[in-house]
PDB file of all heavy atoms in Angstrom:
ATOM      1  N   VAL A   1     -78.425 -20.556   5.520  1.00  0.00           N
ATOM      2  CA  VAL A   1     -79.782 -19.984   5.626  1.00  0.00           C
ATOM      3  C   VAL A   1     -80.357 -20.292   6.968  1.00  0.00           C
ATOM      4  O   VAL A   1     -80.836 -19.390   7.693  1.00  0.00           O
ATOM      5  CB  VAL A   1     -80.719 -20.554   4.514  1.00  0.00           C
ATOM      6  CG1 VAL A   1     -82.107 -19.992   4.663  1.00  0.00           C
ATOM      7  CG2 VAL A   1     -80.156 -20.196   3.142  1.00  0.00           C
ATOM      8  N   GLU A   2     -80.329 -21.521   7.360  1.00  0.00           N
ATOM      9  CA  GLU A   2     -80.852 -21.963   8.657  1.00  0.00           C
ATOM     10  C   GLU A   2     -80.125 -21.260   9.789  1.00  0.00           C
ATOM     11  O   GLU A   2     -80.769 -20.695  10.703  1.00  0.00           O
ATOM     12  CB  GLU A   2     -80.646 -23.474   8.790  1.00  0.00           C
ATOM     13  CG  GLU A   2     -80.961 -23.988  10.191  1.00  0.00           C
ATOM     14  CD  GLU A   2     -80.558 -25.467  10.328  1.00  0.00           C
ATOM     15  OE1 GLU A   2     -80.745 -26.224   9.375  1.00  0.00           O
ATOM     16  OE2 GLU A   2     -80.041 -25.803  11.414  1.00  0.00           O
ATOM     17  N   ASN A   3     -78.821 -21.210   9.746  1.00  0.00           N
ATOM     18  CA  ASN A   3     -78.039 -20.587  10.826  1.00  0.00           C
ATOM     19  C   ASN A   3     -78.302 -19.114  10.918  1.00  0.00           C
ATOM     20  O   ASN A   3     -78.372 -18.553  12.028  1.00  0.00           O
ATOM     21  CB  ASN A   3     -76.551 -20.850  10.617  1.00  0.00           C
ATOM     22  CG  ASN A   3     -76.184 -22.311  10.667  1.00  0.00           C
ATOM     23  OD1 ASN A   3     -76.955 -23.105  11.224  1.00  0.00           O
ATOM     24  ND2 ASN A   3     -75.058 -22.666  10.087  1.00  0.00           N
ATOM     25  N   THR A   4     -78.457 -18.435   9.783  1.00  0.00           N
ATOM     26  CA  THR A   4     -78.683 -16.996   9.804  1.00  0.00           C
ATOM     27  C   THR A   4     -80.069 -16.695  10.394  1.00  0.00           C
ATOM     28  O   THR A   4     -80.172 -15.789  11.258  1.00  0.00           O
ATOM     29  CB  THR A   4     -78.607 -16.423   8.380  1.00  0.00           C
ATOM     30  OG1 THR A   4     -77.284 -16.626   7.846  1.00  0.00           O
ATOM     31  CG2 THR A   4     -78.947 -14.933   8.381  1.00  0.00           C
ATOM     32  N   ILE A   5     -81.071 -17.397   9.981  1.00  0.00           N
ATOM     33  CA  ILE A   5     -82.432 -17.132  10.491  1.00  0.00           C
ATOM     34  C   ILE A   5     -82.466 -17.407  11.973  1.00  0.00           C
ATOM     35  O   ILE A   5     -83.102 -16.664  12.761  1.00  0.00           O
ATOM     36  CB  ILE A   5     -83.475 -17.910   9.720  1.00  0.00           C
ATOM     37  CG1 ILE A   5     -83.552 -17.397   8.276  1.00  0.00           C
ATOM     38  CG2 ILE A   5     -84.855 -17.793  10.378  1.00  0.00           C
ATOM     39  CD1 ILE A   5     -84.543 -18.137   7.383  1.00  0.00           C
ATOM     40  N   SER A   6     -81.841 -18.466  12.398  1.00  0.00           N
ATOM     41  CA  SER A   6     -81.767 -18.809  13.825  1.00  0.00           C
ATOM     42  C   SER A   6     -81.103 -17.653  14.622  1.00  0.00           C
ATOM     43  O   SER A   6     -81.552 -17.311  15.712  1.00  0.00           O
ATOM     44  CB  SER A   6     -81.033 -20.117  14.063  1.00  0.00           C
ATOM     45  OG  SER A   6     -81.676 -21.195  13.403  1.00  0.00           O
ATOM     46  N   THR A   7     -80.023 -17.124  14.053  1.00  0.00           N
ATOM     47  CA  THR A   7     -79.343 -16.034  14.712  1.00  0.00           C
ATOM     48  C   THR A   7     -80.207 -14.796  14.808  1.00  0.00           C
ATOM     49  O   THR A   7     -80.284 -14.135  15.846  1.00  0.00           O
ATOM     50  CB  THR A   7     -78.022 -15.682  13.971  1.00  0.00           C
ATOM     51  OG1 THR A   7     -77.172 -16.822  13.926  1.00  0.00           O
ATOM     52  CG2 THR A   7     -77.300 -14.514  14.625  1.00  0.00           C
ATOM     53  N   VAL A   8     -80.899 -14.475  13.717  1.00  0.00           N
ATOM     54  CA  VAL A   8     -81.785 -13.337  13.693  1.00  0.00           C
ATOM     55  C   VAL A   8     -82.863 -13.463  14.752  1.00  0.00           C
ATOM     56  O   VAL A   8     -83.243 -12.514  15.457  1.00  0.00           O
ATOM     57  CB  VAL A   8     -82.420 -13.153  12.285  1.00  0.00           C
ATOM     58  CG1 VAL A   8     -83.577 -12.178  12.327  1.00  0.00           C
ATOM     59  CG2 VAL A   8     -81.349 -12.698  11.273  1.00  0.00           C
ATOM     60  N   ILE A   9     -83.407 -14.686  14.892  1.00  0.00           N
ATOM     61  CA  ILE A   9     -84.448 -14.917  15.884  1.00  0.00           C
ATOM     62  C   ILE A   9     -83.900 -14.624  17.299  1.00  0.00           C
ATOM     63  O   ILE A   9     -84.550 -14.034  18.109  1.00  0.00           O
ATOM     64  CB  ILE A   9     -84.939 -16.397  15.812  1.00  0.00           C
ATOM     65  CG1 ILE A   9     -85.736 -16.619  14.495  1.00  0.00           C
ATOM     66  CG2 ILE A   9     -85.823 -16.731  17.015  1.00  0.00           C
ATOM     67  CD1 ILE A   9     -86.024 -18.073  14.226  1.00  0.00           C
ATOM     68  N   ARG A  10     -82.672 -15.070  17.542  1.00  0.00           N
ATOM     69  CA  ARG A  10     -82.085 -14.884  18.849  1.00  0.00           C
ATOM     70  C   ARG A  10     -81.752 -13.408  19.152  1.00  0.00           C
ATOM     71  O   ARG A  10     -81.850 -12.933  20.269  1.00  0.00           O
ATOM     72  CB  ARG A  10     -80.824 -15.709  19.016  1.00  0.00           C
ATOM     73  CG  ARG A  10     -81.109 -17.231  19.143  1.00  0.00           C
ATOM     74  CD  ARG A  10     -79.859 -17.952  19.611  1.00  0.00           C
ATOM     75  NE  ARG A  10     -78.795 -17.887  18.651  1.00  0.00           N
ATOM     76  CZ  ARG A  10     -78.627 -18.734  17.622  1.00  0.00           C
ATOM     77  NH1 ARG A  10     -79.485 -19.709  17.470  1.00  0.00           N
ATOM     78  NH2 ARG A  10     -77.600 -18.636  16.777  1.00  0.00           N
ATOM     79  N   LEU A  11     -81.373 -12.692  18.109  1.00  0.00           N
ATOM     80  CA  LEU A  11     -80.986 -11.275  18.293  1.00  0.00           C
ATOM     81  C   LEU A  11     -82.195 -10.398  18.668  1.00  0.00           C
ATOM     82  O   LEU A  11     -82.065  -9.547  19.553  1.00  0.00           O
ATOM     83  CB  LEU A  11     -80.386 -10.701  17.006  1.00  0.00           C
ATOM     84  CG  LEU A  11     -78.945 -11.074  16.700  1.00  0.00           C
ATOM     85  CD1 LEU A  11     -78.539 -10.541  15.356  1.00  0.00           C
ATOM     86  CD2 LEU A  11     -78.030 -10.547  17.779  1.00  0.00           C
ATOM     87  N   SER A  12     -83.321 -10.628  18.051  1.00  0.00           N
ATOM     88  CA  SER A  12     -84.458  -9.779  18.325  1.00  0.00           C
ATOM     89  C   SER A  12     -85.697 -10.350  17.721  1.00  0.00           C
ATOM     90  O   SER A  12     -85.702 -10.904  16.599  1.00  0.00           O
ATOM     91  CB  SER A  12     -84.231  -8.369  17.772  1.00  0.00           C
ATOM     92  OG  SER A  12     -85.406  -7.598  17.893  1.00  0.00           O
ATOM     93  N   PRO A  13     -86.876 -10.227  18.432  1.00  0.00           N
ATOM     94  CA  PRO A  13     -88.107 -10.700  17.839  1.00  0.00           C
ATOM     95  C   PRO A  13     -88.653  -9.786  16.767  1.00  0.00           C
ATOM     96  O   PRO A  13     -89.548 -10.168  16.027  1.00  0.00           O
ATOM     97  CB  PRO A  13     -89.043 -10.750  19.074  1.00  0.00           C
ATOM     98  CG  PRO A  13     -88.498  -9.684  19.950  1.00  0.00           C
ATOM     99  CD  PRO A  13     -87.013  -9.766  19.805  1.00  0.00           C
ATOM    100  N   LYS A  14     -88.073  -8.608  16.684  1.00  0.00           N
ATOM    101  CA  LYS A  14     -88.552  -7.619  15.682  1.00  0.00           C
ATOM    102  C   LYS A  14     -87.460  -7.336  14.692  1.00  0.00           C
ATOM    103  O   LYS A  14     -86.346  -6.978  15.094  1.00  0.00           O
ATOM    104  CB  LYS A  14     -89.039  -6.324  16.345  1.00  0.00           C
ATOM    105  CG  LYS A  14     -90.241  -6.517  17.257  1.00  0.00           C
ATOM    106  CD  LYS A  14     -90.633  -5.165  17.843  1.00  0.00           C
ATOM    107  CE  LYS A  14     -91.850  -5.328  18.761  1.00  0.00           C
ATOM    108  NZ  LYS A  14     -92.258  -4.024  19.358  1.00  0.00           N
ATOM    109  N   TRP A  15     -87.764  -7.417  13.404  1.00  0.00           N
ATOM    110  CA  TRP A  15     -86.747  -7.224  12.400  1.00  0.00           C
ATOM    111  C   TRP A  15     -86.115  -5.844  12.476  1.00  0.00           C
ATOM    112  O   TRP A  15     -84.914  -5.665  12.313  1.00  0.00           O
ATOM    113  CB  TRP A  15     -87.356  -7.415  11.013  1.00  0.00           C
ATOM    114  CG  TRP A  15     -86.409  -7.048   9.882  1.00  0.00           C
ATOM    115  CD1 TRP A  15     -86.494  -5.993   9.067  1.00  0.00           C
ATOM    116  CD2 TRP A  15     -85.260  -7.779   9.466  1.00  0.00           C
ATOM    117  NE1 TRP A  15     -85.450  -5.964   8.149  1.00  0.00           N
ATOM    118  CE2 TRP A  15     -84.701  -7.069   8.402  1.00  0.00           C
ATOM    119  CE3 TRP A  15     -84.622  -8.955   9.921  1.00  0.00           C
ATOM    120  CZ2 TRP A  15     -83.529  -7.491   7.783  1.00  0.00           C
ATOM    121  CZ3 TRP A  15     -83.484  -9.374   9.283  1.00  0.00           C
ATOM    122  CH2 TRP A  15     -82.939  -8.644   8.214  1.00  0.00           C
ATOM    123  N   GLU A  16     -86.873  -4.830  12.749  1.00  0.00           N
ATOM    124  CA  GLU A  16     -86.338  -3.479  12.802  1.00  0.00           C
ATOM    125  C   GLU A  16     -85.310  -3.290  13.928  1.00  0.00           C
ATOM    126  O   GLU A  16     -84.501  -2.345  13.935  1.00  0.00           O
ATOM    127  CB  GLU A  16     -87.462  -2.427  12.962  1.00  0.00           C
ATOM    128  CG  GLU A  16     -88.313  -2.587  14.198  1.00  0.00           C
ATOM    129  CD  GLU A  16     -89.558  -3.410  13.944  1.00  0.00           C
ATOM    130  OE1 GLU A  16     -89.534  -4.249  13.000  1.00  0.00           O
ATOM    131  OE2 GLU A  16     -90.570  -3.201  14.632  1.00  0.00           O
ATOM    132  N   ASP A  17     -85.360  -4.195  14.928  1.00  0.00           N
ATOM    133  CA  ASP A  17     -84.395  -4.143  16.043  1.00  0.00           C
ATOM    134  C   ASP A  17     -83.154  -4.951  15.806  1.00  0.00           C
ATOM    135  O   ASP A  17     -82.201  -4.860  16.571  1.00  0.00           O
ATOM    136  CB  ASP A  17     -85.088  -4.585  17.350  1.00  0.00           C
ATOM    137  CG  ASP A  17     -86.190  -3.643  17.796  1.00  0.00           C
ATOM    138  OD1 ASP A  17     -86.157  -2.476  17.389  1.00  0.00           O
ATOM    139  OD2 ASP A  17     -87.098  -4.111  18.492  1.00  0.00           O
ATOM    140  N   VAL A  18     -83.172  -5.771  14.769  1.00  0.00           N
ATOM    141  CA  VAL A  18     -82.033  -6.670  14.505  1.00  0.00           C
ATOM    142  C   VAL A  18     -80.773  -5.880  14.245  1.00  0.00           C
ATOM    143  O   VAL A  18     -79.711  -6.210  14.754  1.00  0.00           O
ATOM    144  CB  VAL A  18     -82.326  -7.603  13.364  1.00  0.00           C
ATOM    145  CG1 VAL A  18     -81.060  -8.358  12.922  1.00  0.00           C
ATOM    146  CG2 VAL A  18     -83.426  -8.631  13.708  1.00  0.00           C
ATOM    147  N   LYS A  19     -80.889  -4.817  13.471  1.00  0.00           N
ATOM    148  CA  LYS A  19     -79.720  -4.017  13.121  1.00  0.00           C
ATOM    149  C   LYS A  19     -79.046  -3.417  14.373  1.00  0.00           C
ATOM    150  O   LYS A  19     -77.834  -3.468  14.531  1.00  0.00           O
ATOM    151  CB  LYS A  19     -80.140  -2.893  12.197  1.00  0.00           C
ATOM    152  CG  LYS A  19     -78.966  -2.143  11.548  1.00  0.00           C
ATOM    153  CD  LYS A  19     -79.470  -1.203  10.491  1.00  0.00           C
ATOM    154  CE  LYS A  19     -78.331  -0.540   9.779  1.00  0.00           C
ATOM    155  NZ  LYS A  19     -78.809   0.348   8.676  1.00  0.00           N
ATOM    156  N   ASN A  20     -79.872  -2.917  15.284  1.00  0.00           N
ATOM    157  CA  ASN A  20     -79.320  -2.353  16.510  1.00  0.00           C
ATOM    158  C   ASN A  20     -78.654  -3.420  17.403  1.00  0.00           C
ATOM    159  O   ASN A  20     -77.588  -3.234  17.952  1.00  0.00           O
ATOM    160  CB  ASN A  20     -80.392  -1.654  17.338  1.00  0.00           C
ATOM    161  CG  ASN A  20     -80.932  -0.418  16.640  1.00  0.00           C
ATOM    162  OD1 ASN A  20     -80.177   0.251  15.892  1.00  0.00           O
ATOM    163  ND2 ASN A  20     -82.171  -0.075  16.860  1.00  0.00           N
ATOM    164  N   ALA A  21     -79.344  -4.561  17.496  1.00  0.00           N
ATOM    165  CA  ALA A  21     -78.804  -5.647  18.293  1.00  0.00           C
ATOM    166  C   ALA A  21     -77.491  -6.157  17.727  1.00  0.00           C
ATOM    167  O   ALA A  21     -76.523  -6.453  18.443  1.00  0.00           O
ATOM    168  CB  ALA A  21     -79.787  -6.804  18.361  1.00  0.00           C
ATOM    169  N   PHE A  22     -77.402  -6.163  16.412  1.00  0.00           N
ATOM    170  CA  PHE A  22     -76.228  -6.638  15.715  1.00  0.00           C
ATOM    171  C   PHE A  22     -75.055  -5.653  15.910  1.00  0.00           C
ATOM    172  O   PHE A  22     -73.886  -6.069  16.072  1.00  0.00           O
ATOM    173  CB  PHE A  22     -76.488  -6.871  14.241  1.00  0.00           C
ATOM    174  CG  PHE A  22     -75.332  -7.368  13.475  1.00  0.00           C
ATOM    175  CD1 PHE A  22     -74.881  -8.674  13.712  1.00  0.00           C
ATOM    176  CD2 PHE A  22     -74.655  -6.595  12.566  1.00  0.00           C
ATOM    177  CE1 PHE A  22     -73.766  -9.175  13.008  1.00  0.00           C
ATOM    178  CE2 PHE A  22     -73.585  -7.097  11.874  1.00  0.00           C
ATOM    179  CZ  PHE A  22     -73.137  -8.365  12.103  1.00  0.00           C
ATOM    180  N   GLN A  23     -75.349  -4.366  15.883  1.00  0.00           N
ATOM    181  CA  GLN A  23     -74.306  -3.360  16.062  1.00  0.00           C
ATOM    182  C   GLN A  23     -73.665  -3.478  17.435  1.00  0.00           C
ATOM    183  O   GLN A  23     -72.448  -3.174  17.564  1.00  0.00           O
ATOM    184  CB  GLN A  23     -74.891  -1.962  15.881  1.00  0.00           C
ATOM    185  CG  GLN A  23     -75.160  -1.589  14.435  1.00  0.00           C
ATOM    186  CD  GLN A  23     -75.739  -0.206  14.301  1.00  0.00           C
ATOM    187  OE1 GLN A  23     -76.842   0.079  14.743  1.00  0.00           O
ATOM    188  NE2 GLN A  23     -74.999   0.688  13.635  1.00  0.00           N
ATOM    189  N   GLU A  24     -74.396  -3.954  18.403  1.00  0.00           N
ATOM    190  CA  GLU A  24     -73.783  -4.135  19.736  1.00  0.00           C
ATOM    191  C   GLU A  24     -72.721  -5.225  19.700  1.00  0.00           C
ATOM    192  O   GLU A  24     -71.714  -5.115  20.382  1.00  0.00           O
ATOM    193  CB  GLU A  24     -74.864  -4.528  20.737  1.00  0.00           C
ATOM    194  CG  GLU A  24     -75.867  -3.438  21.063  1.00  0.00           C
ATOM    195  CD  GLU A  24     -75.199  -2.171  21.583  1.00  0.00           C
ATOM    196  OE1 GLU A  24     -74.344  -2.303  22.476  1.00  0.00           O
ATOM    197  OE2 GLU A  24     -75.498  -1.073  21.088  1.00  0.00           O
ATOM    198  N   LEU A  25     -72.908  -6.210  18.836  1.00  0.00           N
ATOM    199  CA  LEU A  25     -71.905  -7.267  18.681  1.00  0.00           C
ATOM    200  C   LEU A  25     -70.644  -6.701  18.089  1.00  0.00           C
ATOM    201  O   LEU A  25     -69.530  -7.092  18.496  1.00  0.00           O
ATOM    202  CB  LEU A  25     -72.456  -8.423  17.827  1.00  0.00           C
ATOM    203  CG  LEU A  25     -73.606  -9.233  18.402  1.00  0.00           C
ATOM    204  CD1 LEU A  25     -74.011 -10.261  17.350  1.00  0.00           C
ATOM    205  CD2 LEU A  25     -73.193  -9.932  19.684  1.00  0.00           C
ATOM    206  N   THR A  26     -70.762  -5.860  17.102  1.00  0.00           N
ATOM    207  CA  THR A  26     -69.627  -5.306  16.410  1.00  0.00           C
ATOM    208  C   THR A  26     -68.833  -4.374  17.351  1.00  0.00           C
ATOM    209  O   THR A  26     -67.598  -4.275  17.243  1.00  0.00           O
ATOM    210  CB  THR A  26     -69.993  -4.552  15.133  1.00  0.00           C
ATOM    211  OG1 THR A  26     -70.723  -3.369  15.491  1.00  0.00           O
ATOM    212  CG2 THR A  26     -70.856  -5.420  14.224  1.00  0.00           C
ATOM    213  N   LYS A  27     -69.505  -3.706  18.242  1.00  0.00           N
ATOM    214  CA  LYS A  27     -68.809  -2.815  19.174  1.00  0.00           C
ATOM    215  C   LYS A  27     -67.864  -3.576  20.113  1.00  0.00           C
ATOM    216  O   LYS A  27     -66.844  -3.070  20.578  1.00  0.00           O
ATOM    217  CB  LYS A  27     -69.837  -2.049  20.022  1.00  0.00           C
ATOM    218  CG  LYS A  27     -70.581  -0.974  19.260  1.00  0.00           C
ATOM    219  CD  LYS A  27     -71.595  -0.296  20.170  1.00  0.00           C
ATOM    220  CE  LYS A  27     -72.412   0.747  19.372  1.00  0.00           C
ATOM    221  NZ  LYS A  27     -73.442   1.373  20.239  1.00  0.00           N
ATOM    222  N   GLU A  28     -68.207  -4.828  20.375  1.00  0.00           N
ATOM    223  CA  GLU A  28     -67.418  -5.653  21.271  1.00  0.00           C
ATOM    224  C   GLU A  28     -66.322  -6.383  20.473  1.00  0.00           C
ATOM    225  O   GLU A  28     -65.603  -7.214  21.033  1.00  0.00           O
ATOM    226  CB  GLU A  28     -68.319  -6.677  21.955  1.00  0.00           C
ATOM    227  CG  GLU A  28     -69.409  -6.051  22.804  1.00  0.00           C
ATOM    228  CD  GLU A  28     -70.410  -7.058  23.311  1.00  0.00           C
ATOM    229  OE1 GLU A  28     -70.193  -8.267  23.058  1.00  0.00           O
ATOM    230  OE2 GLU A  28     -71.393  -6.658  23.946  1.00  0.00           O
ATOM    231  N   SER A  29     -66.160  -6.089  19.206  1.00  0.00           N
ATOM    232  CA  SER A  29     -65.163  -6.690  18.304  1.00  0.00           C
ATOM    233  C   SER A  29     -65.330  -8.207  18.150  1.00  0.00           C
ATOM    234  O   SER A  29     -64.435  -8.874  17.686  1.00  0.00           O
ATOM    235  CB  SER A  29     -63.754  -6.419  18.887  1.00  0.00           C
ATOM    236  OG  SER A  29     -63.486  -5.054  18.886  1.00  0.00           O
ATOM    237  N   LYS A  30     -66.518  -8.687  18.487  1.00  0.00           N
ATOM    238  CA  LYS A  30     -66.751 -10.109  18.266  1.00  0.00           C
ATOM    239  C   LYS A  30     -67.043 -10.414  16.799  1.00  0.00           C
ATOM    240  O   LYS A  30     -66.980 -11.579  16.399  1.00  0.00           O
ATOM    241  CB  LYS A  30     -67.925 -10.558  19.142  1.00  0.00           C
ATOM    242  CG  LYS A  30     -67.638 -10.543  20.648  1.00  0.00           C
ATOM    243  CD  LYS A  30     -68.821 -11.002  21.414  1.00  0.00           C
ATOM    244  CE  LYS A  30     -68.488 -10.991  22.927  1.00  0.00           C
ATOM    245  NZ  LYS A  30     -69.635 -11.449  23.734  1.00  0.00           N
ATOM    246  N   HIS A  31     -67.396  -9.414  16.060  1.00  0.00           N
ATOM    247  CA  HIS A  31     -67.695  -9.531  14.647  1.00  0.00           C
ATOM    248  C   HIS A  31     -67.051  -8.390  13.904  1.00  0.00           C
ATOM    249  O   HIS A  31     -66.603  -7.418  14.547  1.00  0.00           O
ATOM    250  CB  HIS A  31     -69.226  -9.573  14.494  1.00  0.00           C
ATOM    251  CG  HIS A  31     -69.690 -10.073  13.172  1.00  0.00           C
ATOM    252  ND1 HIS A  31     -69.460 -11.344  12.729  1.00  0.00           N
ATOM    253  CD2 HIS A  31     -70.339  -9.451  12.175  1.00  0.00           C
ATOM    254  CE1 HIS A  31     -69.983 -11.503  11.506  1.00  0.00           C
ATOM    255  NE2 HIS A  31     -70.509 -10.369  11.152  1.00  0.00           N
ATOM    256  N   ILE A  32     -67.016  -8.464  12.623  1.00  0.00           N
ATOM    257  CA  ILE A  32     -66.418  -7.413  11.816  1.00  0.00           C
ATOM    258  C   ILE A  32     -67.148  -6.061  12.026  1.00  0.00           C
ATOM    259  O   ILE A  32     -68.318  -6.045  12.411  1.00  0.00           O
ATOM    260  CB  ILE A  32     -66.428  -7.724  10.334  1.00  0.00           C
ATOM    261  CG1 ILE A  32     -67.906  -7.840   9.820  1.00  0.00           C
ATOM    262  CG2 ILE A  32     -65.670  -9.002  10.046  1.00  0.00           C
ATOM    263  CD1 ILE A  32     -68.031  -7.790   8.335  1.00  0.00           C
ATOM    264  N   ALA A  33     -66.495  -4.969  11.769  1.00  0.00           N
ATOM    265  CA  ALA A  33     -67.101  -3.661  11.854  1.00  0.00           C
ATOM    266  C   ALA A  33     -68.023  -3.434  10.659  1.00  0.00           C
ATOM    267  O   ALA A  33     -67.603  -3.429   9.510  1.00  0.00           O
ATOM    268  CB  ALA A  33     -66.026  -2.565  11.862  1.00  0.00           C
ATOM    269  N   THR A  34     -69.322  -3.332  10.946  1.00  0.00           N
ATOM    270  CA  THR A  34     -70.315  -3.150   9.894  1.00  0.00           C
ATOM    271  C   THR A  34     -71.646  -2.802  10.515  1.00  0.00           C
ATOM    272  O   THR A  34     -71.871  -3.013  11.691  1.00  0.00           O
ATOM    273  CB  THR A  34     -70.479  -4.457   9.071  1.00  0.00           C
ATOM    274  OG1 THR A  34     -71.381  -4.210   7.960  1.00  0.00           O
ATOM    275  CG2 THR A  34     -71.031  -5.548   9.901  1.00  0.00           C
ATOM    276  N   THR A  35     -72.528  -2.202   9.687  1.00  0.00           N
ATOM    277  CA  THR A  35     -73.897  -1.953  10.142  1.00  0.00           C
ATOM    278  C   THR A  35     -74.883  -2.820   9.368  1.00  0.00           C
ATOM    279  O   THR A  35     -76.091  -2.623   9.479  1.00  0.00           O
ATOM    280  CB  THR A  35     -74.248  -0.469   9.902  1.00  0.00           C
ATOM    281  OG1 THR A  35     -74.094  -0.159   8.485  1.00  0.00           O
ATOM    282  CG2 THR A  35     -73.360   0.449  10.716  1.00  0.00           C
ATOM    283  N   GLU A  36     -74.348  -3.748   8.600  1.00  0.00           N
ATOM    284  CA  GLU A  36     -75.186  -4.617   7.763  1.00  0.00           C
ATOM    285  C   GLU A  36     -75.453  -5.959   8.409  1.00  0.00           C
ATOM    286  O   GLU A  36     -74.541  -6.807   8.513  1.00  0.00           O
ATOM    287  CB  GLU A  36     -74.511  -4.789   6.402  1.00  0.00           C
ATOM    288  CG  GLU A  36     -75.224  -5.765   5.472  1.00  0.00           C
ATOM    289  CD  GLU A  36     -76.687  -5.421   5.295  1.00  0.00           C
ATOM    290  OE1 GLU A  36     -76.989  -4.315   4.777  1.00  0.00           O
ATOM    291  OE2 GLU A  36     -77.552  -6.266   5.704  1.00  0.00           O
TER     292      GLU A  36
END
C-alpha cells in the first residue's frame, strides 16, 4: 500500500494523469504491457 501510493505520487500530482504516465513505463518494457 505504502509503496504503491508513493509510486503514484511520483508519477503524477494528478490522478487523471497517472494512467498516461504509467503507460509510458510500459512502452519502455520496464513493466508489463497494460493500461491499468
